Protein backbone atom coordinates (compact mmCIF):
# COMPACT_ATOMS: atom_id res chain seq x y z
CA MET A 1 -0.01 0.03 0.08
CA ARG A 2 1.22 3.29 -0.86
CA GLY A 3 1.96 6.02 1.99
CA LEU A 4 -0.42 9.13 1.97
CA ASN A 5 0.74 12.09 -0.21
CA TYR A 6 1.29 15.61 1.12
CA GLN A 7 -2.19 17.23 -0.03
CA GLU A 8 -4.01 13.49 1.73
CA ARG A 9 -2.04 14.31 5.32
CA ILE A 10 -3.34 18.05 5.47
CA SER A 11 -6.23 17.79 7.67
CA ASP A 12 -8.72 20.94 6.70
CA GLU A 13 -7.23 23.08 9.93
CA ASP A 14 -4.60 22.97 8.52
CA ARG A 15 -6.06 24.44 5.32
CA ALA A 16 -7.76 26.78 6.73
CA ASN A 17 -4.20 27.73 9.05
CA ILE A 18 -2.60 27.71 5.55
CA ALA A 19 -4.58 29.98 3.68
CA ARG A 20 -4.66 31.84 7.34
CA MET A 21 -1.04 32.20 6.67
CA ILE A 22 -0.78 33.52 2.86
CA GLU A 23 -3.49 36.46 2.89
CA SER A 24 -2.47 39.66 2.88
CA PRO A 25 -0.43 40.53 6.68
CA ARG A 26 -2.42 40.88 9.72
CA LEU A 27 -1.69 43.13 12.81
CA ASP A 28 -2.44 41.05 16.58
CA ILE A 29 -0.96 41.07 19.36
CA ARG A 30 -0.66 38.45 22.39
CA LEU A 31 -1.04 39.95 25.73
CA ARG A 32 0.92 39.04 29.41
CA ILE A 33 0.36 40.48 31.91
CA ASP A 34 3.16 40.21 34.49
CA PHE A 35 1.68 40.51 38.84
CA GLY A 36 4.85 40.45 40.31
CA PRO A 37 7.56 37.89 39.69
CA ALA A 38 4.78 34.68 41.11
CA ALA A 39 1.60 35.44 38.56
CA SER A 40 0.86 36.53 35.17
CA VAL A 41 -1.75 36.32 33.66
CA GLY A 42 -1.86 35.26 29.55
CA PRO A 43 -4.05 34.25 26.26
CA GLY A 44 -3.82 30.77 27.46
CA LYS A 45 -5.01 30.56 31.25
CA VAL A 46 -7.72 33.67 30.19
CA ALA A 47 -9.23 30.58 27.51
CA LEU A 48 -8.63 28.04 29.90
CA LEU A 49 -11.07 30.59 32.81
CA GLU A 50 -13.10 31.13 29.44
CA HIS A 51 -13.36 27.42 28.90
CA ILE A 52 -14.67 26.56 32.60
CA ASP A 53 -17.07 28.44 32.86
CA ARG A 54 -18.57 27.56 29.71
CA VAL A 55 -18.69 24.06 30.18
CA GLY A 56 -18.34 23.60 33.77
CA SER A 57 -15.25 21.02 33.17
CA LEU A 58 -11.84 21.52 33.79
CA SER A 59 -10.93 17.78 31.83
CA GLN A 60 -13.78 18.81 29.04
CA ALA A 61 -12.14 22.27 28.73
CA ALA A 62 -9.11 20.97 28.27
CA ARG A 63 -10.08 18.83 26.00
CA GLU A 64 -11.28 21.19 23.90
CA LEU A 65 -8.44 23.91 24.63
CA GLY A 66 -6.08 20.88 23.38
CA LEU A 67 -3.92 20.85 26.52
CA SER A 68 -4.01 17.53 28.55
CA TYR A 69 -5.00 17.25 32.08
CA ARG A 70 -2.71 17.80 34.03
CA ARG A 71 -1.70 20.91 31.85
CA ALA A 72 -5.47 22.97 32.82
CA TRP A 73 -4.56 21.64 35.83
CA GLN A 74 -1.85 23.29 36.67
CA LEU A 75 -2.71 26.40 34.87
CA LEU A 76 -5.84 26.68 37.09
CA ASP A 77 -3.21 25.89 40.60
CA ASP A 78 -1.60 28.59 39.39
CA LEU A 79 -4.21 30.99 39.03
CA ASN A 80 -5.58 29.56 41.83
CA HIS A 81 -2.64 30.25 43.50
CA SER A 82 -1.19 33.59 42.97
CA PHE A 83 -4.13 35.75 44.15
CA THR A 84 -5.66 35.99 47.74
CA GLU A 85 -9.15 34.80 46.36
CA PRO A 86 -8.90 31.97 44.10
CA VAL A 87 -10.37 31.70 40.84
CA ALA A 88 -12.28 28.26 40.91
CA SER A 89 -13.86 26.05 43.21
CA ALA A 90 -14.12 22.24 42.24
CA SER A 91 -16.89 20.02 43.27
CA VAL A 92 -15.92 16.28 43.31
CA GLY A 93 -17.31 13.36 42.16
CA GLY A 94 -21.46 12.95 42.60
CA VAL A 95 -23.35 11.86 40.59
CA GLY A 96 -22.91 14.52 37.71
CA GLY A 97 -19.36 13.75 37.88
CA GLY A 98 -18.40 17.12 40.32
CA GLY A 99 -17.11 19.93 37.84
CA VAL A 100 -15.52 23.44 38.18
CA GLN A 101 -17.18 26.53 39.43
CA LEU A 102 -15.03 29.86 38.49
CA THR A 103 -15.18 33.05 41.83
CA ALA A 104 -16.58 36.20 40.63
CA PHE A 105 -12.89 37.18 41.38
CA ALA A 106 -12.56 35.20 38.06
CA GLN A 107 -15.26 36.52 36.52
CA GLU A 108 -13.67 40.46 36.78
CA LEU A 109 -10.12 39.07 36.04
CA ILE A 110 -11.30 37.68 32.11
CA THR A 111 -13.42 41.23 31.96
CA ALA A 112 -10.59 42.86 32.66
CA TYR A 113 -8.13 40.90 31.13
CA ARG A 114 -10.43 41.17 27.56
CA ASP A 115 -10.68 44.49 27.13
CA VAL A 116 -6.95 45.41 27.70
CA GLU A 117 -6.60 43.22 25.42
CA ARG A 118 -8.53 45.24 23.03
CA ALA A 119 -8.00 48.42 24.14
CA ALA A 120 -4.39 47.57 22.85
CA LEU A 121 -5.00 45.52 19.95
CA GLU A 122 -7.35 48.67 18.43
CA GLU A 123 -3.90 51.42 19.90
CA THR A 124 -1.38 48.51 17.69
CA ARG A 125 -3.85 48.84 14.64
CA THR A 126 -3.52 52.73 15.24
CA ARG A 127 -0.21 53.14 15.22
CA PHE A 128 0.89 50.31 12.49
CA THR A 129 -1.45 49.65 10.04
CA ALA A 130 0.40 52.13 7.90
CA LEU A 131 3.45 50.38 8.59
CA LEU A 132 2.13 46.63 6.66
CA LYS A 133 2.91 47.82 3.85
CA GLU A 134 6.41 47.12 4.40
CA VAL A 135 5.75 43.49 5.45
CA GLN A 136 6.85 40.71 3.02
CA PRO A 137 4.06 38.05 3.46
CA GLU A 138 6.53 35.66 1.59
CA LYS A 139 9.00 35.67 4.46
CA GLY A 140 8.88 33.44 6.84
CA LEU A 141 5.94 31.79 5.42
CA LYS A 142 7.87 29.12 4.81
CA SER A 143 8.44 28.26 8.15
CA ARG A 144 5.80 28.76 9.76
CA LEU A 145 4.53 25.90 7.74
CA ARG A 146 7.12 23.45 8.43
CA ARG A 147 5.98 24.11 12.26
CA LEU A 148 2.57 23.70 11.79
CA LEU A 149 3.15 21.06 10.17
CA THR A 150 5.42 19.26 12.28
CA ARG A 151 3.25 20.50 15.87
CA ARG A 152 0.99 18.73 13.32
CA ALA A 153 2.50 15.32 12.67
CA ALA A 154 4.00 14.66 16.54
CA LYS A 155 0.56 15.61 18.05
CA SER A 156 -1.03 12.31 15.47
CA HIS A 157 2.38 10.01 16.18
CA LYS A 158 1.42 9.69 20.20
CA THR A 159 1.24 6.69 21.57
CA PRO A 160 -1.02 6.07 24.41
CA GLY A 161 0.63 6.34 27.44
CA ALA A 162 4.14 7.71 26.00
CA ARG A 163 5.56 10.12 28.32
CA SER A 164 7.39 14.05 26.73
CA ARG A 165 9.91 15.17 27.84
CA SER A 166 8.71 17.61 29.93
CA ALA A 167 7.11 14.95 31.97
CA LEU A 168 10.49 13.17 33.06
């Protein structure tokens, strides 16, 4: 049996990502807010909180974000111990299988982060839009495609129970 050619191996999601990379340059930001050396909030932690709020389950939120349960738990635990108020409370077991609920503090944190992110993006676009004409869209495309496809290939070749280097 012959192997699949590269076009047959690329998922629809990857095709969409590639199309976005090829289209004209656009401005975007990734915002991380540091509350001193021991606490920070960025797009990953905020997305996790938003998913938990929506589904009420850490394991379901982790699956939807493509995170391991362990990594999601570490992020949530870090947030819970970074501030004087917790961001979530968990209920264990029971008929519904337990779950996670966000606190009012977590809701404030999400709202504040998204407000600052929105304002920063607006300001970024105001100040940098004129410079977009200087960006060469073909530059860096090859390395972004390689990184995307390598990441996808690595995920699809993981075996259940296999440990990553970071887990050792």
